[in-house]
Structure formats: C-alpha cells, structure tokens
C-alpha cells in the first residue's frame, strides 16, 4: 500500500471512529443532547448556541455534553457543570440570583427610562408656547416691522 493510500485509510478510520461515537446515543439520549446543546451559548460566538457554532470550543462543549449524557448525568447536572466551569453566561437562561439580577431586570429598566424620556420630551414640546410677556414683546416687534 502506498503512503497516500495508508494516510487515506487512517483518516477514514479516524473519521468512522468519531462518527460512530457521536451516533452511540440512543434516541432518548439524542433528544436530550439536542435540547442541551441548544440551551448552551457558544462563548466564542456569543450569539449562537453550541449546536449552531463551528468554533473549536463549541465542538469541545458538544463532546462534553455527549460524554456526560453517556455517563448518566441528568440535564440539570450537566447545565450546573457547564455553569460552574464557564460561568452563567454559558446558559441562555441564567438563574435569577443577586449577581444576575441586572440581566433579568436591566431591559425593563431601560424600557421604563426610554418611556420616561419620551414622556418628558412630549411635555416640553407641548409647553413650547411663549409666555404672556414674551407674546407681548413679539407683538411689539411685529408691529415695528409691519407699520
């Protein structure tokens, strides 16, 4: 066998071994796997789940999830492990705690602040009519220009 043929056979063997380990999950475990990889955020991409990301870290996290499912860990144990190791940012739904309260309440506070600013600017626009002394001054200026 030539070197190129031997290299191709080795690559094919490695690929088949990797694919067979990925397919080793039964249908129930595969459903859990799919659910979990969609609940975890890729720390490199940040706007994609590890299921959608092609980053090396996402590949490692997917493999870790698969390994833990095969080891018999529950979904919550796997999510807790990932959170302990990578922080709450890895979870798309971080727990409501003192350190994550800003993540949960922040958007509502920003919305309230924007509504307050809009309300205040609307009130100022409505009050833009000149006061009585200003109206009198404007009337005198207009009479001087248009006798």
N, C-alpha and C. Protein backbone atom coordinates (compact mmCIF):
# COMPACT_ATOMS: atom_id res chain seq x y z
N UNK A 1 0.85 -1.17 0.00
CA UNK A 1 0.00 0.00 0.00
C UNK A 1 0.90 1.24 0.00
N UNK A 2 0.52 2.23 -0.76
CA UNK A 2 1.33 3.45 -0.83
C UNK A 2 1.10 4.31 0.39
N UNK A 3 1.96 5.30 0.52
CA UNK A 3 1.81 6.21 1.66
C UNK A 3 0.49 6.96 1.61
N UNK A 4 0.11 7.40 0.42
CA UNK A 4 -1.13 8.15 0.30
C UNK A 4 -2.33 7.24 0.60
N UNK A 5 -2.28 6.02 0.16
CA UNK A 5 -3.35 5.07 0.46
C UNK A 5 -3.43 4.77 1.94
N UNK A 6 -2.28 4.64 2.59
CA UNK A 6 -2.24 4.39 4.02
C UNK A 6 -2.78 5.59 4.80
N UNK A 7 -2.39 6.79 4.37
CA UNK A 7 -2.89 8.02 5.02
C UNK A 7 -4.40 8.12 4.87
N UNK A 8 -4.90 7.84 3.68
CA UNK A 8 -6.35 7.91 3.44
C UNK A 8 -7.08 6.89 4.31
N UNK A 9 -6.52 5.70 4.46
CA UNK A 9 -7.15 4.67 5.29
C UNK A 9 -7.16 5.09 6.75
N UNK A 10 -6.08 5.70 7.21
CA UNK A 10 -6.03 6.16 8.60
C UNK A 10 -7.05 7.27 8.85
N UNK A 11 -7.13 8.21 7.92
CA UNK A 11 -8.09 9.31 8.07
C UNK A 11 -9.51 8.77 8.06
N UNK A 12 -9.79 7.84 7.15
CA UNK A 12 -11.12 7.25 7.09
C UNK A 12 -11.45 6.51 8.38
N UNK A 13 -10.47 5.80 8.94
CA UNK A 13 -10.69 5.08 10.19
C UNK A 13 -10.96 6.03 11.35
N UNK A 14 -10.21 7.11 11.42
CA UNK A 14 -10.44 8.10 12.47
C UNK A 14 -11.82 8.73 12.32
N UNK A 15 -12.18 9.04 11.09
CA UNK A 15 -13.48 9.66 10.84
C UNK A 15 -14.61 8.72 11.22
N UNK A 16 -14.48 7.46 10.85
CA UNK A 16 -15.51 6.47 11.19
C UNK A 16 -15.61 6.29 12.71
N UNK A 17 -14.47 6.30 13.40
CA UNK A 17 -14.48 6.17 14.85
C UNK A 17 -15.15 7.37 15.51
N UNK A 18 -14.87 8.57 14.99
CA UNK A 18 -15.50 9.77 15.54
C UNK A 18 -17.00 9.76 15.28
N UNK A 19 -17.40 9.37 14.10
CA UNK A 19 -18.82 9.36 13.76
C UNK A 19 -19.56 8.28 14.55
N UNK A 20 -18.94 7.13 14.77
CA UNK A 20 -19.63 6.08 15.49
C UNK A 20 -19.83 6.46 16.95
N UNK A 21 -18.87 7.21 17.53
CA UNK A 21 -19.05 7.64 18.92
C UNK A 21 -20.13 8.69 19.01
N UNK A 22 -20.29 9.54 18.00
CA UNK A 22 -21.34 10.55 18.01
C UNK A 22 -22.70 9.89 17.85
N UNK A 23 -22.75 8.76 17.17
CA UNK A 23 -24.03 8.08 16.93
C UNK A 23 -24.32 7.06 18.02
N UNK A 24 -23.49 6.99 19.05
CA UNK A 24 -23.66 5.96 20.07
C UNK A 24 -24.84 6.25 21.00
N UNK A 25 -25.44 7.41 20.92
CA UNK A 25 -26.55 7.76 21.80
C UNK A 25 -27.84 7.13 21.30
N UNK A 26 -28.65 6.62 22.23
CA UNK A 26 -29.95 6.09 21.84
C UNK A 26 -30.89 7.28 21.56
N UNK A 27 -32.08 7.03 21.00
CA UNK A 27 -32.97 8.14 20.62
C UNK A 27 -33.34 9.08 21.78
N UNK A 28 -33.55 8.53 22.97
CA UNK A 28 -33.88 9.38 24.12
C UNK A 28 -32.68 10.27 24.48
N UNK A 29 -31.49 9.66 24.49
CA UNK A 29 -30.29 10.43 24.80
C UNK A 29 -30.02 11.47 23.71
N UNK A 30 -30.28 11.12 22.48
CA UNK A 30 -30.08 12.06 21.36
C UNK A 30 -31.01 13.26 21.51
N UNK A 31 -32.24 13.04 21.94
CA UNK A 31 -33.19 14.14 22.15
C UNK A 31 -32.70 15.04 23.29
N UNK A 32 -32.21 14.45 24.37
CA UNK A 32 -31.64 15.23 25.47
C UNK A 32 -30.44 16.03 25.00
N UNK A 33 -29.57 15.38 24.22
CA UNK A 33 -28.39 16.03 23.68
C UNK A 33 -28.77 17.27 22.87
N UNK A 34 -29.74 17.10 21.97
CA UNK A 34 -30.18 18.23 21.13
C UNK A 34 -30.74 19.35 21.98
N UNK A 35 -31.52 19.02 22.99
CA UNK A 35 -32.08 20.03 23.88
C UNK A 35 -30.98 20.79 24.62
N UNK A 36 -30.02 20.06 25.13
CA UNK A 36 -28.95 20.69 25.92
C UNK A 36 -28.04 21.57 25.06
N UNK A 37 -27.67 21.11 23.88
CA UNK A 37 -26.75 21.92 23.06
C UNK A 37 -27.42 23.19 22.56
N UNK A 38 -28.75 23.23 22.56
CA UNK A 38 -29.46 24.46 22.20
C UNK A 38 -29.65 25.39 23.40
N UNK A 39 -29.44 24.89 24.61
CA UNK A 39 -29.56 25.71 25.82
C UNK A 39 -28.24 26.35 26.22
N UNK A 40 -27.14 25.94 25.59
CA UNK A 40 -25.82 26.44 25.97
C UNK A 40 -25.29 27.39 24.89
N UNK A 41 -24.77 28.53 25.34
CA UNK A 41 -24.25 29.58 24.45
C UNK A 41 -22.79 29.29 24.12
N UNK A 42 -22.42 29.53 22.87
CA UNK A 42 -21.01 29.43 22.48
C UNK A 42 -20.29 30.64 23.05
N UNK A 43 -19.25 30.41 23.80
CA UNK A 43 -18.53 31.51 24.45
C UNK A 43 -17.66 32.28 23.47
N UNK A 44 -17.40 31.70 22.30
CA UNK A 44 -16.62 32.39 21.28
C UNK A 44 -17.54 33.25 20.41
N UNK A 45 -18.62 32.66 19.94
CA UNK A 45 -19.55 33.36 19.04
C UNK A 45 -20.51 34.27 19.81
N UNK A 46 -20.95 33.88 20.96
CA UNK A 46 -21.80 34.60 21.89
C UNK A 46 -23.24 34.81 21.42
N UNK A 47 -23.51 34.78 20.15
CA UNK A 47 -24.89 34.92 19.68
C UNK A 47 -25.40 33.62 19.08
N UNK A 48 -24.68 32.54 19.29
CA UNK A 48 -25.09 31.24 18.77
C UNK A 48 -25.02 30.21 19.89
N UNK A 49 -25.88 29.23 19.76
CA UNK A 49 -25.78 28.11 20.69
C UNK A 49 -24.61 27.23 20.25
N UNK A 50 -24.20 26.31 21.12
CA UNK A 50 -23.11 25.43 20.72
C UNK A 50 -23.57 24.47 19.62
N UNK A 51 -24.87 24.31 19.46
CA UNK A 51 -25.38 23.47 18.37
C UNK A 51 -25.16 24.14 17.02
N UNK A 52 -25.20 25.47 16.98
CA UNK A 52 -25.10 26.22 15.73
C UNK A 52 -23.66 26.62 15.40
N UNK A 53 -22.79 26.65 16.38
CA UNK A 53 -21.44 27.18 16.21
C UNK A 53 -20.48 26.14 15.65
N UNK A 54 -19.52 26.62 14.86
CA UNK A 54 -18.47 25.76 14.34
C UNK A 54 -17.14 26.00 15.05
N UNK A 55 -17.14 26.81 16.12
CA UNK A 55 -15.91 27.10 16.84
C UNK A 55 -15.38 25.84 17.53
N UNK A 56 -14.07 25.80 17.70
CA UNK A 56 -13.46 24.63 18.35
C UNK A 56 -13.99 24.43 19.76
N UNK A 57 -14.19 25.53 20.49
CA UNK A 57 -14.72 25.43 21.85
C UNK A 57 -16.12 24.83 21.83
N UNK A 58 -16.94 25.21 20.86
CA UNK A 58 -18.29 24.65 20.76
C UNK A 58 -18.22 23.15 20.49
N UNK A 59 -17.29 22.73 19.66
CA UNK A 59 -17.11 21.28 19.42
C UNK A 59 -16.74 20.57 20.71
N UNK A 60 -15.84 21.18 21.47
CA UNK A 60 -15.44 20.58 22.75
C UNK A 60 -16.61 20.52 23.73
N UNK A 61 -17.41 21.57 23.77
CA UNK A 61 -18.57 21.59 24.68
C UNK A 61 -19.61 20.55 24.27
N UNK A 62 -19.84 20.41 22.96
CA UNK A 62 -20.78 19.38 22.49
C UNK A 62 -20.30 18.00 22.88
N UNK A 63 -19.00 17.75 22.74
CA UNK A 63 -18.43 16.46 23.11
C UNK A 63 -18.57 16.22 24.62
N UNK A 64 -18.38 17.28 25.40
CA UNK A 64 -18.51 17.16 26.86
C UNK A 64 -19.97 16.82 27.23
N UNK A 65 -20.92 17.46 26.56
CA UNK A 65 -22.34 17.17 26.82
C UNK A 65 -22.63 15.71 26.49
N UNK A 66 -22.16 15.25 25.35
CA UNK A 66 -22.38 13.86 24.94
C UNK A 66 -21.77 12.89 25.94
N UNK A 67 -20.55 13.19 26.38
CA UNK A 67 -19.87 12.32 27.35
C UNK A 67 -20.64 12.26 28.66
N UNK A 68 -21.14 13.39 29.12
CA UNK A 68 -21.87 13.40 30.39
C UNK A 68 -23.22 12.70 30.27
N UNK A 69 -23.85 12.80 29.12
CA UNK A 69 -25.11 12.06 28.91
C UNK A 69 -24.83 10.57 28.97
N UNK A 70 -23.76 10.15 28.31
CA UNK A 70 -23.39 8.72 28.33
C UNK A 70 -23.04 8.26 29.74
N UNK A 71 -22.52 9.18 30.57
CA UNK A 71 -22.16 8.84 31.95
C UNK A 71 -23.38 8.77 32.85
N UNK A 72 -24.55 9.14 32.34
CA UNK A 72 -25.78 9.01 33.11
C UNK A 72 -26.14 10.25 33.93
N UNK A 73 -25.53 11.38 33.65
CA UNK A 73 -25.87 12.60 34.39
C UNK A 73 -27.19 13.18 33.90
N UNK A 74 -27.90 13.84 34.81
CA UNK A 74 -29.17 14.46 34.45
C UNK A 74 -28.90 15.77 33.70
N UNK A 75 -29.94 16.29 33.06
CA UNK A 75 -29.81 17.55 32.33
C UNK A 75 -29.37 18.67 33.26
N UNK A 76 -29.96 18.73 34.45
CA UNK A 76 -29.62 19.80 35.39
C UNK A 76 -28.17 19.67 35.86
N UNK A 77 -27.71 18.45 36.07
CA UNK A 77 -26.32 18.25 36.47
C UNK A 77 -25.37 18.73 35.38
N UNK A 78 -25.72 18.47 34.14
CA UNK A 78 -24.88 18.90 33.02
C UNK A 78 -24.86 20.43 32.93
N UNK A 79 -26.04 21.05 33.04
CA UNK A 79 -26.11 22.51 32.98
C UNK A 79 -25.37 23.14 34.15
N UNK A 80 -25.48 22.55 35.35
CA UNK A 80 -24.76 23.05 36.52
C UNK A 80 -23.25 22.93 36.31
N UNK A 81 -22.81 21.81 35.76
CA UNK A 81 -21.39 21.61 35.49
C UNK A 81 -20.87 22.69 34.54
N UNK A 82 -21.61 22.91 33.45
CA UNK A 82 -21.18 23.92 32.47
C UNK A 82 -21.17 25.31 33.09
N UNK A 83 -22.18 25.61 33.89
CA UNK A 83 -22.26 26.92 34.55
C UNK A 83 -21.12 27.09 35.56
N UNK A 84 -20.82 26.04 36.32
CA UNK A 84 -19.73 26.12 37.29
C UNK A 84 -18.38 26.32 36.59
N UNK A 85 -18.23 25.67 35.48
CA UNK A 85 -16.94 25.71 34.78
C UNK A 85 -16.76 26.97 33.95
N UNK A 86 -17.84 27.45 33.27
CA UNK A 86 -17.71 28.57 32.34
C UNK A 86 -18.47 29.81 32.77
N UNK A 87 -19.19 29.75 33.87
CA UNK A 87 -19.95 30.90 34.33
C UNK A 87 -21.38 30.87 33.80
N UNK A 88 -22.24 31.70 34.38
CA UNK A 88 -23.65 31.71 34.00
C UNK A 88 -23.86 32.21 32.57
N UNK A 89 -22.86 32.88 32.01
CA UNK A 89 -23.01 33.40 30.65
C UNK A 89 -23.18 32.28 29.63
N UNK A 90 -22.71 31.08 29.94
CA UNK A 90 -22.83 29.96 29.01
C UNK A 90 -24.29 29.51 28.87
N UNK A 91 -25.13 29.87 29.83
CA UNK A 91 -26.55 29.49 29.79
C UNK A 91 -27.36 30.57 29.10
N UNK A 92 -28.25 30.16 28.20
CA UNK A 92 -29.14 31.14 27.58
C UNK A 92 -30.16 31.68 28.58
N UNK A 93 -30.50 30.90 29.59
CA UNK A 93 -31.42 31.34 30.64
C UNK A 93 -30.69 31.27 31.98
N UNK A 94 -29.93 32.33 32.32
CA UNK A 94 -29.20 32.29 33.58
C UNK A 94 -30.16 32.29 34.77
N UNK A 95 -29.75 31.70 35.89
CA UNK A 95 -30.63 31.66 37.07
C UNK A 95 -30.81 33.06 37.64
N UNK A 96 -31.94 33.29 38.28
CA UNK A 96 -32.22 34.57 38.91
C UNK A 96 -31.52 34.60 40.27
N UNK A 97 -30.40 35.27 40.33
CA UNK A 97 -29.61 35.42 41.54
C UNK A 97 -29.21 36.88 41.69
N UNK A 98 -28.59 37.19 42.79
CA UNK A 98 -28.17 38.57 43.03
C UNK A 98 -27.20 39.05 41.95
N UNK A 99 -26.28 38.18 41.53
CA UNK A 99 -25.29 38.60 40.55
C UNK A 99 -25.84 38.66 39.12
N UNK A 100 -27.00 38.05 38.87
CA UNK A 100 -27.58 38.08 37.53
C UNK A 100 -28.86 38.92 37.46
N UNK A 101 -29.18 39.63 38.51
CA UNK A 101 -30.43 40.41 38.54
C UNK A 101 -30.44 41.46 37.44
N UNK A 102 -29.28 42.03 37.13
CA UNK A 102 -29.21 43.05 36.08
C UNK A 102 -29.59 42.45 34.73
N UNK A 103 -29.22 41.20 34.49
CA UNK A 103 -29.58 40.55 33.23
C UNK A 103 -31.09 40.40 33.10
N UNK A 104 -31.77 40.18 34.20
CA UNK A 104 -33.21 39.98 34.17
C UNK A 104 -33.98 41.29 34.22
N UNK A 105 -33.53 42.26 35.01
CA UNK A 105 -34.28 43.49 35.23
C UNK A 105 -33.82 44.61 34.29
N UNK A 106 -32.58 44.56 33.83
CA UNK A 106 -32.00 45.61 33.01
C UNK A 106 -32.84 46.02 31.81
N UNK A 107 -33.30 45.10 30.99
CA UNK A 107 -34.10 45.50 29.83
C UNK A 107 -35.37 46.25 30.21
N UNK A 108 -36.01 45.86 31.31
CA UNK A 108 -37.22 46.56 31.74
C UNK A 108 -36.90 47.96 32.24
N UNK A 109 -35.77 48.11 32.93
CA UNK A 109 -35.36 49.43 33.40
C UNK A 109 -35.05 50.36 32.23
N UNK A 110 -34.40 49.84 31.22
CA UNK A 110 -34.09 50.64 30.03
C UNK A 110 -35.38 51.06 29.33
N UNK A 111 -36.34 50.15 29.23
CA UNK A 111 -37.63 50.47 28.63
C UNK A 111 -38.36 51.55 29.41
N UNK A 112 -38.37 51.45 30.74
CA UNK A 112 -39.00 52.48 31.57
C UNK A 112 -38.30 53.82 31.43
N UNK A 113 -36.98 53.82 31.38
CA UNK A 113 -36.23 55.06 31.21
C UNK A 113 -36.54 55.70 29.86
N UNK A 114 -36.62 54.91 28.81
CA UNK A 114 -36.95 55.44 27.48
C UNK A 114 -38.36 56.02 27.47
N UNK A 115 -39.31 55.35 28.11
CA UNK A 115 -40.69 55.86 28.18
C UNK A 115 -40.73 57.17 28.96
N UNK A 116 -39.98 57.26 30.05
CA UNK A 116 -39.95 58.49 30.85
C UNK A 116 -39.36 59.64 30.04
N UNK A 117 -38.27 59.39 29.31
CA UNK A 117 -37.66 60.43 28.48
C UNK A 117 -38.61 60.88 27.39
N UNK A 118 -39.31 59.94 26.76
CA UNK A 118 -40.29 60.30 25.72
C UNK A 118 -41.42 61.13 26.32
N UNK A 119 -41.89 60.75 27.50
CA UNK A 119 -42.97 61.49 28.16
C UNK A 119 -42.52 62.91 28.48
N UNK A 120 -41.29 63.04 29.04
CA UNK A 120 -40.78 64.37 29.40
C UNK A 120 -40.58 65.25 28.18
N UNK A 121 -40.05 64.68 27.11
CA UNK A 121 -39.84 65.50 25.91
C UNK A 121 -41.18 65.88 25.29
N UNK A 122 -42.18 65.04 25.40
CA UNK A 122 -43.53 65.37 24.91
C UNK A 122 -44.15 66.50 25.70
N UNK A 123 -43.93 66.51 27.01
CA UNK A 123 -44.46 67.59 27.86
C UNK A 123 -43.78 68.91 27.53
N UNK A 124 -42.48 68.89 27.29
CA UNK A 124 -41.75 70.12 26.96
C UNK A 124 -42.18 70.67 25.62
N UNK A 125 -42.46 69.80 24.66
CA UNK A 125 -42.92 70.26 23.35
C UNK A 125 -44.29 70.90 23.47
N UNK A 126 -45.14 70.35 24.29
CA UNK A 126 -46.48 70.91 24.47
C UNK A 126 -46.41 72.26 25.17
N UNK A 127 -45.43 72.48 26.01
CA UNK A 127 -45.29 73.73 26.74
C UNK A 127 -44.48 74.76 25.97
N UNK A 128 -44.18 74.56 24.72
CA UNK A 128 -43.31 75.45 23.99
C UNK A 128 -44.00 76.75 23.56
N UNK A 129 -45.23 76.94 23.91
CA UNK A 129 -45.94 78.19 23.62
C UNK A 129 -45.32 79.31 24.47
N UNK A 130 -45.08 80.49 23.88
CA UNK A 130 -44.43 81.57 24.63
C UNK A 130 -45.31 82.08 25.77
N UNK A 131 -44.67 82.57 26.82
CA UNK A 131 -45.39 83.11 27.97
C UNK A 131 -45.99 84.47 27.61
N UNK A 132 -46.84 85.02 28.49
CA UNK A 132 -47.53 86.30 28.23
C UNK A 132 -46.55 87.45 27.97
N UNK A 133 -45.49 87.63 28.78
CA UNK A 133 -44.56 88.73 28.48
C UNK A 133 -43.86 88.54 27.14
N UNK A 134 -43.55 87.29 26.80
CA UNK A 134 -42.90 87.03 25.51
C UNK A 134 -43.85 87.31 24.36
N UNK A 135 -45.12 86.98 24.52
CA UNK A 135 -46.10 87.25 23.47
C UNK A 135 -46.25 88.75 23.23
N UNK A 136 -46.24 89.53 24.33
CA UNK A 136 -46.35 90.98 24.20
C UNK A 136 -45.13 91.53 23.48
N UNK A 137 -43.96 91.05 23.81
CA UNK A 137 -42.73 91.50 23.15
C UNK A 137 -42.75 91.15 21.67
N UNK A 138 -43.21 89.94 21.33
CA UNK A 138 -43.31 89.52 19.93
C UNK A 138 -44.30 90.42 19.17
N UNK A 139 -45.42 90.76 19.81
CA UNK A 139 -46.42 91.62 19.16
C UNK A 139 -45.82 92.97 18.85
N UNK A 140 -45.04 93.57 19.79
CA UNK A 140 -44.43 94.87 19.57
C UNK A 140 -43.40 94.81 18.45
N UNK A 141 -42.61 93.73 18.42
CA UNK A 141 -41.62 93.59 17.35
C UNK A 141 -42.29 93.47 15.98
N UNK A 142 -43.37 92.73 15.92
CA UNK A 142 -44.07 92.58 14.65
C UNK A 142 -44.71 93.90 14.21
N UNK A 143 -45.21 94.69 15.16
CA UNK A 143 -45.81 95.99 14.81
C UNK A 143 -44.77 96.95 14.30
N UNK A 144 -43.53 96.88 14.83
CA UNK A 144 -42.48 97.76 14.35
C UNK A 144 -42.08 97.43 12.93
N UNK A 145 -42.07 96.15 12.60
CA UNK A 145 -41.67 95.74 11.24
C UNK A 145 -42.80 95.95 10.25
N UNK A 146 -44.03 95.82 10.65
CA UNK A 146 -45.17 95.97 9.74
C UNK A 146 -46.04 97.15 10.23
N UNK A 147 -45.61 98.38 9.96
CA UNK A 147 -46.39 99.51 10.46
C UNK A 147 -47.73 99.71 9.79
